[in-house]
Amino acid sequence: MSTEESAVPIIFSETTVLDKQTDTFPVVRQIHVQGTQRDIGRKMAEIAKDRYGVTLATNVSPDYGKARYAYLQKNYPALLERSRGVLDAYGLKEDDPSVDPTALIYSLGDIGCSMIYFPGPTTENGHAIAIRNMDFASGSISQLMGMPRQPGEPDIFGEIYVVISRPNEGYSCLYLSAIDMLSGVLDGINEHGLTIYGLIDHGVPQNSMKVTGNMVIGLNPFQTMRLVLETCRNCEEAKQVFLTNKIFDIVKGMHYLVGDAQGNSFIFEVNKTDEQAYIQDGNGRPQIMTNSTIWDLPSLDQFPQTFTDPYDSLNRYQILTEDIDAQTGNYSESFMVSTAESVFPRKSSGDLGGPAMALRPLWQVIYDMSELSMKVRFWLKDTGTDDSGNPVLTLSEWYEFSLTQN
């Protein structure tokens, strides 16, 4: 560590936003961290190690470790520095090639979601705004696979983080995080009003790729989204990040929607059959993404006439499209919320592998790209059923966070 780095101490705080009750699902914490990338990596590794008992994956051979560090040095030096902080926390030498310190995984699973980006000229307040439903199953990885929960096994999304990261090198960002303490971005915004969202793409085959210690040299989806937030001011810069990096999927394929404060947006997808990359611009209109592959999406008149599963990705896409097209005038926040609510998941408990599983909107988040702010609420529990036999979802109050706050 240089003298300059050590002369400026890291600034860190953690508060509990939402505590778990006996009958509610998540714990939500806010982390505010400021310092060098190495300091930030060291602090996040300390949390992962002390709170979750995370250990570093061993590389198949040191060759992969060396290649991974070389890739990061060229393509993502900020993550390389955070990784060095991880090695510090574990008492290992800098750039130890025997382990993979680029991720700190404390849970993992399969994600389904719906989201809409609204350019500023289409909204009532003139701000570019995006709303996202983060849909997932309550329960553990074992339960998701149809097996009993193992002793001490946590819920996959039982512990959620709202992170404000202010690195000395790179753009400040505000994001919702789970799974990986080191990168872990599922959606977020940076100081220039650029936002990014990653959703499962059902058009990409499932794989058995490990998150860390694997034999692919590149970036996983969480690292890619963090790279975009830390280095890009607008959609044009973000496109180049996607096109010039090797991005590998974990378990399920991902596709991404990026929007900026100037009203631009695009969806990025890769056809895994021929590895062609597809960029679809929003062209100043609201842009919708669910879990269907957009580059291969049929026209609405070719959609099925009926859907046996209300949560079918095409059904959600159709509902959101029709709601937006039917609206006259500019879109209000209340319209955005009610439209997104109309595709909330209410699947029965047996649909995801085990009797304890239930697909729910674990959070609903709104990003304002002009105010650099986030409003978010979390699913707490089900409270009975409605007249149609669907569960009544109980969500928390709205919580607000902003990058303009100290």
Protein backbone atom coordinates (compact mmCIF):
# COMPACT_ATOMS: atom_id res chain seq x y z
CA MET A 1 0.00 0.00 0.00
CA SER A 2 1.35 3.41 -0.95
CA THR A 3 1.88 6.27 1.50
CA GLU A 4 -0.85 8.24 -0.25
CA GLU A 5 -3.33 5.40 0.15
CA SER A 6 -2.57 4.78 3.81
CA ALA A 7 -2.71 8.51 4.66
CA VAL A 8 -6.46 8.68 3.91
CA PRO A 9 -8.45 6.34 6.16
CA ILE A 10 -11.44 4.45 4.82
CA ILE A 11 -14.87 5.83 5.71
CA PHE A 12 -17.37 3.10 6.53
CA SER A 13 -20.78 2.88 8.12
CA GLU A 14 -23.47 0.19 8.27
CA THR A 15 -27.04 0.51 9.47
CA THR A 16 -30.00 -1.86 9.52
CA VAL A 17 -32.77 -0.57 7.26
CA LEU A 18 -35.20 -3.43 7.81
CA ASP A 19 -34.78 -6.11 10.45
CA LYS A 20 -36.17 -9.60 10.17
CA GLN A 21 -39.16 -10.39 12.37
CA THR A 22 -40.41 -13.85 13.24
CA ASP A 23 -42.94 -13.74 10.38
CA THR A 24 -41.14 -11.58 7.77
CA PHE A 25 -38.56 -12.48 5.15
CA PRO A 26 -35.53 -10.20 4.63
CA VAL A 27 -32.87 -8.37 6.54
CA VAL A 28 -31.87 -5.20 4.69
CA ARG A 29 -28.72 -3.27 5.58
CA GLN A 30 -27.24 -0.07 4.18
CA ILE A 31 -23.50 0.20 3.67
CA HIS A 32 -21.72 3.47 2.93
CA VAL A 33 -18.07 3.01 2.05
CA GLN A 34 -15.48 5.48 0.80
CA GLY A 35 -11.77 5.00 0.19
CA THR A 36 -9.34 3.40 -2.20
CA GLN A 37 -10.54 0.39 -4.15
CA ARG A 38 -8.15 -1.77 -2.14
CA ASP A 39 -9.56 -0.44 1.12
CA ILE A 40 -13.11 -1.09 -0.07
CA GLY A 41 -12.24 -4.65 -1.10
CA ARG A 42 -10.57 -5.34 2.24
CA LYS A 43 -13.58 -4.08 4.20
CA MET A 44 -16.12 -6.05 2.18
CA ALA A 45 -13.98 -9.17 2.55
CA GLU A 46 -13.89 -8.73 6.31
CA ILE A 47 -17.70 -8.67 6.36
CA ALA A 48 -17.94 -11.71 4.09
CA LYS A 49 -15.41 -13.65 6.16
CA ASP A 50 -16.67 -12.69 9.62
CA ARG A 51 -20.43 -12.60 8.98
CA TYR A 52 -20.84 -15.41 6.45
CA GLY A 53 -17.71 -17.53 6.79
CA VAL A 54 -16.88 -17.06 3.10
CA THR A 55 -13.71 -18.80 1.93
CA LEU A 56 -11.85 -18.11 -1.32
CA ALA A 57 -12.20 -20.61 -4.15
CA THR A 58 -9.05 -22.42 -5.25
CA ASN A 59 -8.05 -22.11 -8.90
CA VAL A 60 -7.68 -25.30 -10.95
CA SER A 61 -4.08 -24.22 -11.46
CA PRO A 62 -2.09 -21.00 -10.90
CA ASP A 63 -2.18 -20.40 -14.66
CA TYR A 64 -5.84 -19.36 -14.40
CA GLY A 65 -5.12 -17.06 -11.48
CA LYS A 66 -2.32 -15.31 -13.37
CA ALA A 67 -4.48 -14.92 -16.46
CA ARG A 68 -7.37 -13.55 -14.42
CA TYR A 69 -5.16 -10.87 -12.84
CA ALA A 70 -3.74 -9.98 -16.27
CA TYR A 71 -7.26 -9.62 -17.68
CA LEU A 72 -8.32 -7.34 -14.84
CA GLN A 73 -5.16 -5.25 -15.13
CA LYS A 74 -6.11 -4.51 -18.74
CA ASN A 75 -9.91 -4.38 -18.54
CA TYR A 76 -10.95 -3.64 -14.96
CA PRO A 77 -8.07 -2.38 -12.77
CA ALA A 78 -10.50 -1.20 -10.08
CA LEU A 79 -11.66 -4.78 -9.46
CA LEU A 80 -8.03 -5.91 -9.42
CA GLU A 81 -7.36 -3.44 -6.62
CA ARG A 82 -10.46 -4.56 -4.70
CA SER A 83 -9.30 -8.16 -5.14
CA ARG A 84 -5.95 -7.23 -3.62
CA GLY A 85 -7.87 -5.86 -0.64
CA VAL A 86 -9.63 -9.23 -0.38
CA LEU A 87 -6.26 -11.00 -0.30
CA ASP A 88 -5.14 -8.59 2.44
CA ALA A 89 -8.17 -9.55 4.55
CA TYR A 90 -7.37 -13.25 4.15
CA GLY A 91 -3.69 -12.78 4.98
CA LEU A 92 -2.49 -13.76 1.50
CA LYS A 93 0.18 -12.24 -0.71
CA GLU A 94 -0.70 -9.75 -3.44
CA ASP A 95 -1.91 -11.45 -6.63
CA ASP A 96 -1.72 -14.94 -5.14
CA PRO A 97 -2.55 -17.11 -8.20
CA SER A 98 -3.69 -20.12 -6.19
CA VAL A 99 -7.04 -18.56 -5.23
CA ASP A 100 -9.74 -16.43 -6.87
CA PRO A 101 -10.40 -13.26 -4.81
CA THR A 102 -12.59 -11.54 -7.43
CA ALA A 103 -15.93 -12.47 -5.81
CA LEU A 104 -17.20 -13.10 -2.27
CA ILE A 105 -20.25 -15.33 -2.76
CA TYR A 106 -22.52 -15.84 0.24
CA SER A 107 -25.65 -17.07 -1.62
CA LEU A 108 -26.77 -17.81 -5.14
CA GLY A 109 -29.92 -18.68 -7.09
CA ASP A 110 -32.08 -18.08 -10.20
CA ILE A 111 -33.67 -14.67 -10.77
CA GLY A 112 -36.89 -13.61 -12.61
CA CYS A 113 -37.88 -9.93 -13.02
CA SER A 114 -39.75 -7.25 -14.96
CA MET A 115 -38.67 -3.67 -15.56
CA ILE A 116 -39.38 -0.53 -17.58
CA TYR A 117 -37.18 2.46 -18.44
CA PHE A 118 -39.01 5.77 -19.03
CA PRO A 119 -37.07 8.57 -20.82
CA GLY A 120 -37.43 12.05 -19.31
CA PRO A 121 -39.67 13.48 -22.07
CA THR A 122 -42.25 10.75 -21.33
CA THR A 123 -42.54 11.33 -17.54
CA GLU A 124 -44.57 13.89 -15.60
CA ASN A 125 -41.56 15.42 -13.84
CA GLY A 126 -39.31 15.33 -16.92
CA HIS A 127 -36.80 12.98 -15.25
CA ALA A 128 -35.58 9.73 -16.75
CA ILE A 129 -36.98 7.07 -14.40
CA ALA A 130 -36.77 3.29 -14.27
CA ILE A 131 -38.81 0.84 -12.20
CA ARG A 132 -37.86 -2.75 -11.55
CA ASN A 133 -39.52 -5.71 -9.83
CA MET A 134 -36.86 -8.03 -8.41
CA ASP A 135 -38.68 -11.38 -8.37
CA PHE A 136 -37.23 -14.40 -6.67
CA ALA A 137 -38.10 -17.33 -4.42
CA SER A 138 -37.93 -17.35 -0.68
CA GLY A 139 -35.90 -20.25 0.66
CA SER A 140 -32.43 -21.74 0.29
CA ILE A 141 -30.45 -23.16 -2.62
CA SER A 142 -31.19 -26.72 -1.48
CA GLN A 143 -34.92 -25.98 -1.37
CA LEU A 144 -34.76 -24.44 -4.83
CA MET A 145 -33.33 -27.76 -6.02
CA GLY A 146 -36.19 -29.69 -4.38
CA MET A 147 -34.22 -30.91 -1.37
CA PRO A 148 -34.62 -30.17 2.35
CA ARG A 149 -32.92 -27.08 3.74
CA GLN A 150 -29.52 -28.01 5.15
CA PRO A 151 -28.68 -27.15 8.78
CA GLY A 152 -27.72 -23.49 9.01
CA GLU A 153 -28.35 -22.88 5.30
CA PRO A 154 -29.54 -19.29 4.68
CA ASP A 155 -32.25 -18.00 2.38
CA ILE A 156 -30.69 -17.04 -0.96
CA PHE A 157 -31.94 -13.46 -0.77
CA GLY A 158 -32.52 -13.32 2.98
CA GLU A 159 -29.86 -10.62 3.44
CA ILE A 160 -29.97 -7.66 1.07
CA TYR A 161 -27.66 -4.65 0.97
CA VAL A 162 -28.19 -1.08 -0.18
CA VAL A 163 -24.65 0.06 -0.97
CA ILE A 164 -23.27 3.55 -1.53
CA SER A 165 -19.72 3.18 -2.79
CA ARG A 166 -17.47 6.21 -3.24
CA PRO A 167 -14.10 4.97 -4.51
CA ASN A 168 -11.20 7.39 -4.78
CA GLU A 169 -10.74 6.02 -8.30
CA GLY A 170 -13.94 5.66 -10.36
CA TYR A 171 -17.51 6.96 -10.19
CA SER A 172 -19.59 6.81 -7.04
CA CYS A 173 -22.57 4.46 -7.26
CA LEU A 174 -25.70 3.46 -5.35
CA TYR A 175 -26.92 -0.09 -5.86
CA LEU A 176 -28.92 -3.00 -4.50
CA SER A 177 -26.76 -6.00 -3.75
CA ALA A 178 -26.96 -9.64 -2.80
CA ILE A 179 -25.07 -12.88 -3.48
CA ASP A 180 -21.60 -11.30 -3.81
CA MET A 181 -20.18 -8.93 -1.18
CA LEU A 182 -17.44 -7.66 -3.49
CA SER A 183 -19.41 -6.65 -6.60
CA GLY A 184 -22.97 -7.95 -6.16
CA VAL A 185 -24.76 -5.33 -8.32
CA LEU A 186 -28.29 -6.38 -9.33
CA ASP A 187 -29.41 -2.87 -10.23
CA GLY A 188 -27.94 0.56 -9.54
CA ILE A 189 -27.16 4.15 -10.50
CA ASN A 190 -23.95 6.17 -10.64
CA GLU A 191 -23.08 9.83 -10.08
CA HIS A 192 -23.75 10.65 -13.77
CA GLY A 193 -27.29 9.25 -13.66
CA LEU A 194 -26.47 6.07 -15.55
CA THR A 195 -28.50 3.05 -14.42
CA ILE A 196 -28.16 -0.65 -15.10
CA TYR A 197 -30.29 -3.75 -14.51
CA GLY A 198 -29.57 -7.44 -15.01
CA LEU A 199 -32.41 -9.95 -15.55
CA ILE A 200 -32.44 -13.65 -16.33
CA ASP A 201 -32.71 -14.37 -20.07
CA HIS A 202 -34.71 -17.58 -20.62
CA GLY A 203 -33.38 -17.80 -24.18
CA VAL A 204 -29.90 -18.69 -22.92
CA PRO A 205 -29.21 -22.31 -21.91
CA GLN A 206 -28.62 -23.19 -18.28
CA ASN A 207 -25.02 -23.97 -17.33
CA SER A 208 -23.07 -25.25 -14.35
CA MET A 209 -20.49 -22.45 -14.28
CA LYS A 210 -18.95 -21.74 -10.90
CA VAL A 211 -18.83 -18.09 -9.88
CA THR A 212 -15.21 -18.20 -8.70
CA GLY A 213 -12.29 -20.51 -9.32
CA ASN A 214 -13.60 -21.38 -12.77
CA MET A 215 -11.72 -21.80 -16.04
CA VAL A 216 -13.16 -18.78 -17.85
CA ILE A 217 -11.17 -15.56 -17.88
CA GLY A 218 -13.53 -12.60 -17.99
CA LEU A 219 -16.29 -10.99 -15.94
CA ASN A 220 -19.45 -12.44 -14.44
CA PRO A 221 -22.74 -10.45 -14.64
CA PHE A 222 -22.34 -8.75 -11.25
CA GLN A 223 -18.80 -7.61 -12.07
CA THR A 224 -19.93 -6.38 -15.49
CA MET A 225 -22.71 -4.24 -14.02
CA ARG A 226 -20.34 -2.81 -11.40
CA LEU A 227 -17.80 -2.02 -14.15
CA VAL A 228 -20.44 -0.09 -16.11
CA LEU A 229 -21.43 1.94 -13.05
CA GLU A 230 -17.84 2.73 -12.09
CA THR A 231 -16.60 3.74 -15.54
CA CYS A 232 -19.46 4.96 -17.79
CA ARG A 233 -21.23 8.30 -18.01
CA ASN A 234 -23.79 7.42 -20.67
CA CYS A 235 -25.22 4.64 -22.83
CA GLU A 236 -22.66 5.03 -25.61
CA GLU A 237 -19.80 4.36 -23.19
CA ALA A 238 -21.68 1.44 -21.65
CA LYS A 239 -22.15 -0.20 -25.05
CA GLN A 240 -18.39 -0.31 -25.49
CA VAL A 241 -17.94 -2.00 -22.10
CA PHE A 242 -20.33 -4.77 -23.13
CA LEU A 243 -18.83 -5.21 -26.59
CA THR A 244 -15.18 -5.26 -25.52
CA ASN A 245 -15.35 -7.59 -22.52
CA LYS A 246 -15.67 -11.34 -22.13
CA ILE A 247 -18.84 -11.84 -20.06
CA PHE A 248 -19.68 -15.30 -18.79
CA ASP A 249 -23.02 -16.44 -17.37
CA ILE A 250 -23.55 -18.16 -14.03
CA VAL A 251 -26.21 -20.92 -13.92
CA LYS A 252 -28.60 -18.88 -16.09
CA GLY A 253 -28.02 -16.45 -18.93
CA MET A 254 -28.48 -12.74 -18.31
CA HIS A 255 -29.54 -9.79 -20.38
CA TYR A 256 -29.13 -6.16 -19.41
CA LEU A 257 -30.94 -2.85 -19.72
CA VAL A 258 -28.96 0.38 -19.39
CA GLY A 259 -30.48 3.87 -19.25
CA ASP A 260 -28.94 7.30 -18.83
CA ALA A 261 -30.09 10.71 -17.61
CA GLN A 262 -30.27 12.03 -21.20
CA GLY A 263 -33.14 9.70 -22.10
CA ASN A 264 -31.15 7.04 -23.91
CA SER A 265 -31.50 3.34 -23.19
CA PHE A 266 -30.53 -0.01 -24.70
CA ILE A 267 -30.84 -3.74 -24.07
CA PHE A 268 -27.75 -5.91 -24.47
CA GLU A 269 -28.00 -9.65 -25.20
CA VAL A 270 -25.78 -12.38 -26.61
CA ASN A 271 -27.00 -15.25 -28.78
CA LYS A 272 -25.18 -18.19 -27.23
CA THR A 273 -25.54 -20.25 -30.41
CA ASP A 274 -23.25 -18.05 -32.49
CA GLU A 275 -22.00 -15.53 -29.86
CA GLN A 276 -23.35 -12.54 -31.78
CA ALA A 277 -24.03 -9.53 -29.56
CA TYR A 278 -27.30 -7.64 -29.97
CA ILE A 279 -27.88 -4.02 -28.94
CA GLN A 280 -31.45 -2.73 -29.14
CA ASP A 281 -31.92 0.99 -28.53
CA GLY A 282 -34.95 2.46 -26.81
CA ASN A 283 -35.10 5.34 -29.31
CA GLY A 284 -36.62 7.72 -26.79
CA ARG A 285 -39.55 5.44 -25.92
CA PRO A 286 -40.23 3.47 -22.74
CA GLN A 287 -38.24 0.24 -22.98
CA ILE A 288 -39.52 -2.98 -21.39
CA MET A 289 -37.58 -6.07 -20.40
CA THR A 290 -38.85 -9.23 -18.71
CA ASN A 291 -37.16 -12.65 -19.00
CA SER A 292 -37.77 -13.28 -22.70
CA THR A 293 -34.98 -12.79 -25.21
CA ILE A 294 -35.65 -9.42 -26.84
CA TRP A 295 -33.60 -9.81 -30.03
CA ASP A 296 -35.68 -12.89 -30.93
CA LEU A 297 -39.01 -11.59 -29.59
CA PRO A 298 -42.01 -12.13 -31.87
CA SER A 299 -44.45 -9.30 -32.58
CA LEU A 300 -47.36 -9.01 -30.15
CA ASP A 301 -49.81 -10.40 -32.70
CA GLN A 302 -47.79 -13.64 -32.68
CA PHE A 303 -47.95 -14.06 -28.90
CA PRO A 304 -50.10 -16.93 -27.54
CA GLN A 305 -53.79 -16.11 -27.28
CA THR A 306 -53.94 -17.35 -23.69
CA PHE A 307 -51.41 -18.06 -20.96
CA THR A 308 -51.87 -20.86 -18.43
CA ASP A 309 -49.25 -19.23 -16.21
CA PRO A 310 -49.93 -15.53 -15.45
CA TYR A 311 -46.22 -15.11 -14.67
CA ASP A 312 -45.17 -16.30 -18.14
CA SER A 313 -42.50 -13.88 -19.34
CA LEU A 314 -44.32 -13.16 -22.62
CA ASN A 315 -47.55 -12.51 -20.72
CA ARG A 316 -45.78 -10.00 -18.48
CA TYR A 317 -44.20 -8.31 -21.50
CA GLN A 318 -47.59 -8.06 -23.21
CA ILE A 319 -49.34 -6.66 -20.12
CA LEU A 320 -46.68 -3.98 -19.61
CA THR A 321 -46.66 -3.04 -23.30
CA GLU A 322 -50.43 -2.73 -23.49
CA ASP A 323 -50.61 -0.68 -20.27
CA ILE A 324 -47.98 1.75 -21.53
CA ASP A 325 -49.53 2.06 -24.99
CA ALA A 326 -52.98 2.68 -23.51
CA GLN A 327 -51.79 5.54 -21.31
CA THR A 328 -52.39 9.06 -22.63
CA GLY A 329 -50.08 11.89 -21.66
CA ASN A 330 -46.89 11.56 -19.69
CA TYR A 331 -46.32 8.81 -17.16
CA SER A 332 -46.66 9.47 -13.42
CA GLU A 333 -44.84 7.60 -10.70
CA SER A 334 -48.14 6.17 -9.47
CA PHE A 335 -48.79 4.79 -12.96
CA MET A 336 -45.34 3.20 -13.04
CA VAL A 337 -45.86 1.54 -9.66
CA SER A 338 -49.36 0.22 -10.42
CA THR A 339 -48.28 -1.05 -13.85
CA ALA A 340 -45.29 -2.89 -12.37
CA GLU A 341 -47.52 -4.28 -9.60
CA SER A 342 -49.82 -5.80 -12.22
CA VAL A 343 -47.13 -8.39 -13.05
CA PHE A 344 -46.09 -9.20 -9.48
CA PRO A 345 -45.50 -12.96 -9.09
CA ARG A 346 -48.01 -14.93 -7.06
CA LYS A 347 -47.00 -18.46 -8.02
CA SER A 348 -48.01 -21.40 -5.83
CA SER A 349 -45.36 -22.79 -3.51
CA GLY A 350 -44.72 -25.95 -5.52
CA ASP A 351 -43.69 -24.20 -8.73
CA LEU A 352 -40.03 -23.72 -7.85
CA GLY A 353 -38.85 -27.07 -6.63
CA GLY A 354 -40.04 -27.51 -3.07
CA PRO A 355 -42.99 -26.95 -0.72
CA ALA A 356 -41.23 -24.10 1.10
CA MET A 357 -40.57 -22.06 -2.05
CA ALA A 358 -42.68 -19.11 -3.15
CA LEU A 359 -41.91 -16.70 -5.99
CA ARG A 360 -42.34 -13.14 -4.74
CA PRO A 361 -41.33 -9.55 -5.62
CA LEU A 362 -38.45 -9.37 -3.13
CA TRP A 363 -38.10 -5.70 -3.90
CA GLN A 364 -39.57 -3.03 -6.13
CA VAL A 365 -37.21 -0.16 -6.88
CA ILE A 366 -37.49 3.19 -8.67
CA TYR A 367 -34.39 5.05 -9.85
CA ASP A 368 -34.57 8.77 -10.69
CA MET A 369 -31.65 9.62 -12.98
CA SER A 370 -31.95 13.38 -12.45
CA GLU A 371 -32.06 13.24 -8.66
CA LEU A 372 -29.56 10.34 -8.47
CA SER A 373 -31.96 8.64 -6.08
CA MET A 374 -33.50 5.29 -5.27
CA LYS A 375 -36.89 4.50 -3.75
CA VAL A 376 -37.32 0.87 -2.75
CA ARG A 377 -39.73 -1.34 -0.85
CA PHE A 378 -39.34 -4.99 0.14
CA TRP A 379 -41.65 -8.00 0.34
CA LEU A 380 -42.22 -8.92 3.99
CA LYS A 381 -44.73 -11.77 3.94
CA ASP A 382 -48.04 -13.05 2.59
CA THR A 383 -51.16 -12.13 4.53
CA GLY A 384 -53.98 -14.48 3.60
CA THR A 385 -55.49 -14.83 0.13
CA ASP A 386 -57.78 -12.70 -2.01
CA ASP A 387 -61.12 -13.68 -3.60
CA SER A 388 -59.24 -15.35 -6.47
CA GLY A 389 -57.17 -17.49 -4.14
CA ASN A 390 -53.98 -15.51 -4.76
CA PRO A 391 -51.78 -14.56 -1.82
CA VAL A 392 -52.07 -11.02 -0.52
CA LEU A 393 -48.55 -9.59 -0.61
CA THR A 394 -47.42 -7.40 2.27
CA LEU A 395 -44.61 -5.02 1.35
CA SER A 396 -42.64 -2.63 3.51
CA GLU A 397 -42.89 1.13 3.38
CA TRP A 398 -40.86 2.92 0.73
CA TYR A 399 -37.26 3.71 1.71
CA GLU A 400 -35.35 6.49 -0.03
CA PHE A 401 -31.60 6.79 -0.68
CA SER A 402 -29.59 9.27 -2.71
CA LEU A 403 -26.05 9.68 -4.01
CA THR A 404 -26.28 13.39 -3.18
CA GLN A 405 -26.47 12.61 0.54
CA ASN A 406 -23.27 12.52 2.57
